C-alpha atoms as a PDB file:
ATOM      1  CA  MET A   1     -22.282  29.964 -19.177  1.00  0.00           C
ATOM      2  CA  SER A   2     -20.380  26.701 -19.463  1.00  0.00           C
ATOM      3  CA  ALA A   3     -21.105  23.541 -17.500  1.00  0.00           C
ATOM      4  CA  PRO A   4     -18.749  22.724 -14.629  1.00  0.00           C
ATOM      5  CA  GLN A   5     -15.982  20.239 -15.379  1.00  0.00           C
ATOM      6  CA  THR A   6     -16.617  16.790 -13.931  1.00  0.00           C
ATOM      7  CA  SER A   7     -13.178  15.276 -14.351  1.00  0.00           C
ATOM      8  CA  THR A   8      -9.708  16.206 -13.212  1.00  0.00           C
ATOM      9  CA  PRO A   9      -7.061  17.286 -15.700  1.00  0.00           C
ATOM     10  CA  PRO A  10      -4.532  14.672 -16.775  1.00  0.00           C
ATOM     11  CA  SER A  11      -1.669  14.231 -14.380  1.00  0.00           C
ATOM     12  CA  PRO A  12       1.638  12.388 -14.468  1.00  0.00           C
ATOM     13  CA  TYR A  13       1.666   8.656 -13.958  1.00  0.00           C
ATOM     14  CA  THR A  14       2.920   8.168 -10.389  1.00  0.00           C
ATOM     15  CA  GLY A  15       3.913   5.307  -8.148  1.00  0.00           C
ATOM     16  CA  GLY A  16       0.440   5.572  -6.639  1.00  0.00           C
ATOM     17  CA  SER A  17      -1.124   5.177 -10.086  1.00  0.00           C
ATOM     18  CA  ALA A  18       1.071   2.165 -10.832  1.00  0.00           C
ATOM     19  CA  LEU A  19       0.139   0.501  -7.529  1.00  0.00           C
ATOM     20  CA  ILE A  20      -3.605   0.988  -7.946  1.00  0.00           C
ATOM     21  CA  ASP A  21      -3.507  -0.140 -11.594  1.00  0.00           C
ATOM     22  CA  ALA A  22      -1.514  -3.251 -10.618  1.00  0.00           C
ATOM     23  CA  LEU A  23      -4.013  -4.114  -7.879  1.00  0.00           C
ATOM     24  CA  VAL A  24      -6.917  -3.777 -10.312  1.00  0.00           C
ATOM     25  CA  ASP A  25      -5.066  -5.875 -12.921  1.00  0.00           C
ATOM     26  CA  ALA A  26      -4.459  -8.554 -10.273  1.00  0.00           C
ATOM     27  CA  GLY A  27      -8.169  -8.720  -9.448  1.00  0.00           C
ATOM     28  CA  ILE A  28      -7.861  -7.110  -6.018  1.00  0.00           C
ATOM     29  CA  THR A  29     -11.323  -5.782  -5.149  1.00  0.00           C
ATOM     30  CA  HIS A  30     -10.638  -4.336  -1.683  1.00  0.00           C
ATOM     31  CA  LEU A  31      -7.746  -2.489  -0.083  1.00  0.00           C
ATOM     32  CA  PHE A  32      -7.751  -2.614   3.722  1.00  0.00           C
ATOM     33  CA  ALA A  33      -5.768   0.474   4.636  1.00  0.00           C
ATOM     34  CA  ASN A  34      -4.248   2.416   7.493  1.00  0.00           C
ATOM     35  CA  PHE A  35      -3.111   5.563   5.706  1.00  0.00           C
ATOM     36  CA  GLY A  36      -0.302   7.832   6.861  1.00  0.00           C
ATOM     37  CA  SER A  37       2.137  10.497   5.733  1.00  0.00           C
ATOM     38  CA  ASP A  38       3.754   8.061   3.297  1.00  0.00           C
ATOM     39  CA  HIS A  39       0.624   7.601   1.148  1.00  0.00           C
ATOM     40  CA  PRO A  40      -0.223  10.974  -0.517  1.00  0.00           C
ATOM     41  CA  SER A  41       0.380   9.701  -4.043  1.00  0.00           C
ATOM     42  CA  ILE A  42      -1.943   6.762  -3.443  1.00  0.00           C
ATOM     43  CA  LEU A  43      -4.652   8.946  -1.914  1.00  0.00           C
ATOM     44  CA  GLU A  44      -4.394  11.429  -4.800  1.00  0.00           C
ATOM     45  CA  THR A  45      -4.666   8.565  -7.278  1.00  0.00           C
ATOM     46  CA  LEU A  46      -7.736   7.130  -5.553  1.00  0.00           C
ATOM     47  CA  ALA A  47      -9.434  10.543  -5.549  1.00  0.00           C
ATOM     48  CA  ARG A  48      -8.592  11.127  -9.217  1.00  0.00           C
ATOM     49  CA  TYR A  49      -9.811   7.650 -10.215  1.00  0.00           C
ATOM     50  CA  LYS A  50     -13.084   8.170  -8.344  1.00  0.00           C
ATOM     51  CA  VAL A  51     -13.762  11.485 -10.104  1.00  0.00           C
ATOM     52  CA  ASN A  52     -12.930   9.927 -13.486  1.00  0.00           C
ATOM     53  CA  ASN A  53     -14.859   6.688 -12.828  1.00  0.00           C
ATOM     54  CA  LYS A  54     -11.692   4.646 -13.318  1.00  0.00           C
ATOM     55  CA  PRO A  55     -11.646   1.255 -11.567  1.00  0.00           C
ATOM     56  CA  ALA A  56      -9.912   1.012  -8.190  1.00  0.00           C
ATOM     57  CA  PRO A  57     -10.216  -1.329  -5.237  1.00  0.00           C
ATOM     58  CA  LYS A  58     -12.823  -0.385  -2.640  1.00  0.00           C
ATOM     59  CA  ILE A  59     -11.078   1.221   0.330  1.00  0.00           C
ATOM     60  CA  ILE A  60     -11.794  -0.173   3.783  1.00  0.00           C
ATOM     61  CA  THR A  61     -10.221   2.237   6.249  1.00  0.00           C
ATOM     62  CA  CYS A  62      -8.902   0.416   9.308  1.00  0.00           C
ATOM     63  CA  PRO A  63      -7.602   2.434  12.269  1.00  0.00           C
ATOM     64  CA  ASN A  64      -5.542  -0.573  13.393  1.00  0.00           C
ATOM     65  CA  GLU A  65      -3.169  -2.597  11.223  1.00  0.00           C
ATOM     66  CA  MET A  66      -3.960  -5.945  12.868  1.00  0.00           C
ATOM     67  CA  VAL A  67      -7.629  -5.314  12.110  1.00  0.00           C
ATOM     68  CA  ALA A  68      -6.780  -4.473   8.493  1.00  0.00           C
ATOM     69  CA  LEU A  69      -4.865  -7.697   7.948  1.00  0.00           C
ATOM     70  CA  SER A  70      -7.397  -9.825   9.820  1.00  0.00           C
ATOM     71  CA  ALA A  71     -10.259  -8.335   7.778  1.00  0.00           C
ATOM     72  CA  ALA A  72      -8.345  -8.905   4.530  1.00  0.00           C
ATOM     73  CA  GLN A  73      -7.674 -12.496   5.568  1.00  0.00           C
ATOM     74  CA  GLY A  74     -11.337 -13.128   6.370  1.00  0.00           C
ATOM     75  CA  PHE A  75     -12.471 -11.485   3.144  1.00  0.00           C
ATOM     76  CA  ALA A  76      -9.990 -13.551   1.111  1.00  0.00           C
ATOM     77  CA  GLN A  77     -11.090 -16.756   2.826  1.00  0.00           C
ATOM     78  CA  ILE A  78     -14.792 -16.051   2.227  1.00  0.00           C
ATOM     79  CA  THR A  79     -14.433 -14.920  -1.402  1.00  0.00           C
ATOM     80  CA  GLY A  80     -11.526 -17.139  -2.444  1.00  0.00           C
ATOM     81  CA  ARG A  81      -9.827 -14.063  -3.939  1.00  0.00           C
ATOM     82  CA  ALA A  82      -6.618 -12.405  -2.816  1.00  0.00           C
ATOM     83  CA  GLN A  83      -6.972  -9.026  -1.121  1.00  0.00           C
ATOM     84  CA  ALA A  84      -4.524  -6.283  -0.207  1.00  0.00           C
ATOM     85  CA  VAL A  85      -3.456  -4.429   2.911  1.00  0.00           C
ATOM     86  CA  LEU A  86      -1.702  -1.065   3.025  1.00  0.00           C
ATOM     87  CA  VAL A  87      -0.137   0.091   6.270  1.00  0.00           C
ATOM     88  CA  HIS A  88       1.922   2.942   7.598  1.00  0.00           C
ATOM     89  CA  VAL A  89       5.713   2.410   7.529  1.00  0.00           C
ATOM     90  CA  GLU A  90       7.598   0.148   9.947  1.00  0.00           C
ATOM     91  CA  CYS A  91       5.359   0.772  12.952  1.00  0.00           C
ATOM     92  CA  GLY A  92       2.351  -0.342  10.899  1.00  0.00           C
ATOM     93  CA  THR A  93       4.256  -3.397   9.734  1.00  0.00           C
ATOM     94  CA  GLN A  94       5.061  -4.318  13.325  1.00  0.00           C
ATOM     95  CA  ALA A  95       1.449  -3.782  14.392  1.00  0.00           C
ATOM     96  CA  MET A  96       0.318  -6.602  12.067  1.00  0.00           C
ATOM     97  CA  ALA A  97       2.528  -9.177  13.839  1.00  0.00           C
ATOM     98  CA  GLY A  98       0.016 -11.872  14.801  1.00  0.00           C
ATOM     99  CA  GLY A  99      -1.944 -11.369  11.600  1.00  0.00           C
ATOM    100  CA  ILE A 100       1.187 -11.883   9.510  1.00  0.00           C
ATOM    101  CA  HIS A 101       1.716 -15.218  11.238  1.00  0.00           C
ATOM    102  CA  ASN A 102      -1.930 -16.153  10.598  1.00  0.00           C
ATOM    103  CA  VAL A 103      -1.993 -15.413   6.849  1.00  0.00           C
ATOM    104  CA  ALA A 104       1.390 -17.058   6.338  1.00  0.00           C
ATOM    105  CA  LYS A 105       0.583 -20.275   8.182  1.00  0.00           C
ATOM    106  CA  CYS A 106      -2.960 -20.483   6.770  1.00  0.00           C
ATOM    107  CA  ARG A 107      -1.628 -19.765   3.263  1.00  0.00           C
ATOM    108  CA  VAL A 108      -4.221 -17.065   2.657  1.00  0.00           C
ATOM    109  CA  PRO A 109      -3.467 -14.871  -0.379  1.00  0.00           C
ATOM    110  CA  VAL A 110      -3.026 -11.351   0.965  1.00  0.00           C
ATOM    111  CA  LEU A 111      -0.729  -8.744  -0.547  1.00  0.00           C
ATOM    112  CA  ILE A 112       0.854  -6.563   2.128  1.00  0.00           C
ATOM    113  CA  PHE A 113       2.216  -3.112   1.301  1.00  0.00           C
ATOM    114  CA  ALA A 114       3.907  -0.797   3.768  1.00  0.00           C
ATOM    115  CA  GLY A 115       4.984   2.746   3.135  1.00  0.00           C
ATOM    116  CA  ALA A 116       8.560   3.842   3.548  1.00  0.00           C
ATOM    117  CA  SER A 117      10.331   7.083   4.199  1.00  0.00           C
ATOM    118  CA  PRO A 118      11.381   8.998   1.078  1.00  0.00           C
ATOM    119  CA  TYR A 119      14.898   8.226  -0.147  1.00  0.00           C
ATOM    120  CA  THR A 120      15.931  11.766  -1.003  1.00  0.00           C
ATOM    121  CA  GLN A 121      16.089  14.791   1.236  1.00  0.00           C
ATOM    122  CA  GLU A 122      17.279  17.711  -0.869  1.00  0.00           C
ATOM    123  CA  GLY A 123      14.503  17.752  -3.472  1.00  0.00           C
ATOM    124  CA  GLU A 124      16.422  15.527  -5.928  1.00  0.00           C
ATOM    125  CA  LEU A 125      13.176  13.669  -6.676  1.00  0.00           C
ATOM    126  CA  ARG A 126       9.491  14.439  -6.217  1.00  0.00           C
ATOM    127  CA  GLY A 127       8.351  13.438  -2.751  1.00  0.00           C
ATOM    128  CA  SER A 128      11.648  14.126  -0.961  1.00  0.00           C
ATOM    129  CA  ARG A 129      11.727  14.208   2.828  1.00  0.00           C
ATOM    130  CA  ASN A 130      10.159  17.415   4.038  1.00  0.00           C
ATOM    131  CA  GLU A 131       9.129  16.853   7.653  1.00  0.00           C
ATOM    132  CA  PHE A 132      10.762  15.450  10.779  1.00  0.00           C
ATOM    133  CA  ILE A 133       8.690  12.254  10.798  1.00  0.00           C
ATOM    134  CA  HIS A 134      10.455  11.062   7.644  1.00  0.00           C
ATOM    135  CA  TRP A 135      13.674  10.641   9.636  1.00  0.00           C
ATOM    136  CA  LEU A 136      12.023   9.093  12.675  1.00  0.00           C
ATOM    137  CA  GLN A 137      10.206   6.427  10.638  1.00  0.00           C
ATOM    138  CA  ASP A 138      13.252   5.324   8.670  1.00  0.00           C
ATOM    139  CA  VAL A 139      14.700   1.960   9.723  1.00  0.00           C
ATOM    140  CA  PRO A 140      17.650   0.113   8.152  1.00  0.00           C
ATOM    141  CA  ASP A 141      15.763  -3.078   7.248  1.00  0.00           C
ATOM    142  CA  GLN A 142      12.001  -2.588   7.341  1.00  0.00           C
ATOM    143  CA  ARG A 143      11.388  -5.724   5.264  1.00  0.00           C
ATOM    144  CA  GLY A 144      13.316  -7.741   7.854  1.00  0.00           C
ATOM    145  CA  ILE A 145      10.370  -7.327  10.233  1.00  0.00           C
ATOM    146  CA  VAL A 146       8.344  -9.830   8.178  1.00  0.00           C
ATOM    147  CA  ARG A 147      10.914 -11.580   5.991  1.00  0.00           C
ATOM    148  CA  GLY A 148      10.527 -14.968   7.684  1.00  0.00           C
ATOM    149  CA  TYR A 149       6.810 -15.086   6.880  1.00  0.00           C
ATOM    150  CA  MET A 150       6.814 -13.916   3.265  1.00  0.00           C
ATOM    151  CA  LYS A 151       6.737 -16.015   0.131  1.00  0.00           C
ATOM    152  CA  TYR A 152       8.204 -13.118  -1.857  1.00  0.00           C
ATOM    153  CA  GLU A 153       9.821  -9.837  -0.929  1.00  0.00           C
ATOM    154  CA  THR A 154      11.299  -7.123  -3.069  1.00  0.00           C
ATOM    155  CA  LYS A 155      13.444  -4.041  -2.809  1.00  0.00           C
ATOM    156  CA  SER A 156      12.842  -0.904  -4.848  1.00  0.00           C
ATOM    157  CA  ALA A 157      15.324  -1.913  -7.538  1.00  0.00           C
ATOM    158  CA  PRO A 158      13.891  -4.417 -10.071  1.00  0.00           C
ATOM    159  CA  ASP A 159      17.025  -6.584  -9.989  1.00  0.00           C
ATOM    160  CA  ALA A 160      16.962  -6.960  -6.192  1.00  0.00           C
ATOM    161  CA  THR A 161      14.060  -9.411  -6.012  1.00  0.00           C
ATOM    162  CA  SER A 162      14.444 -12.328  -3.678  1.00  0.00           C
ATOM    163  CA  SER A 163      12.075 -15.283  -3.400  1.00  0.00           C
ATOM    164  CA  ARG A 164      11.794 -18.102  -0.922  1.00  0.00           C
END
């Protein structure tokens, strides 16, 4: 009788893997998150990293986006280290409104990530749109919600970076 396996089999490197690895490399210790239908790859990565004892930020689940950003701000101010917030698409971005003002004007280092609807809808890429909510949550300029408060913003394409 063989011993049960304690680690997951290798899997492809995903956007979720890249995000979590980048956060760890940047020294982010906590991720204040309001997860939604746009975060499966990140959740799968976090589960896989936990099973394999690979480093990842500690997840602080926040049922409200304003709470997530406010907690990240407080944590960053107390520790002196940047923290990260992950919210659910454009409605989550809008729900952080006052907190976005606070971190911007107080110059507190917080990285803010918001999910987005998938770009493809016919299965052209992994993670294509497959439920009605993907159309409802799609807005023409999600980044425009916070653009005036950001030091940096970026599109998906590497050459589309804009800085202020």
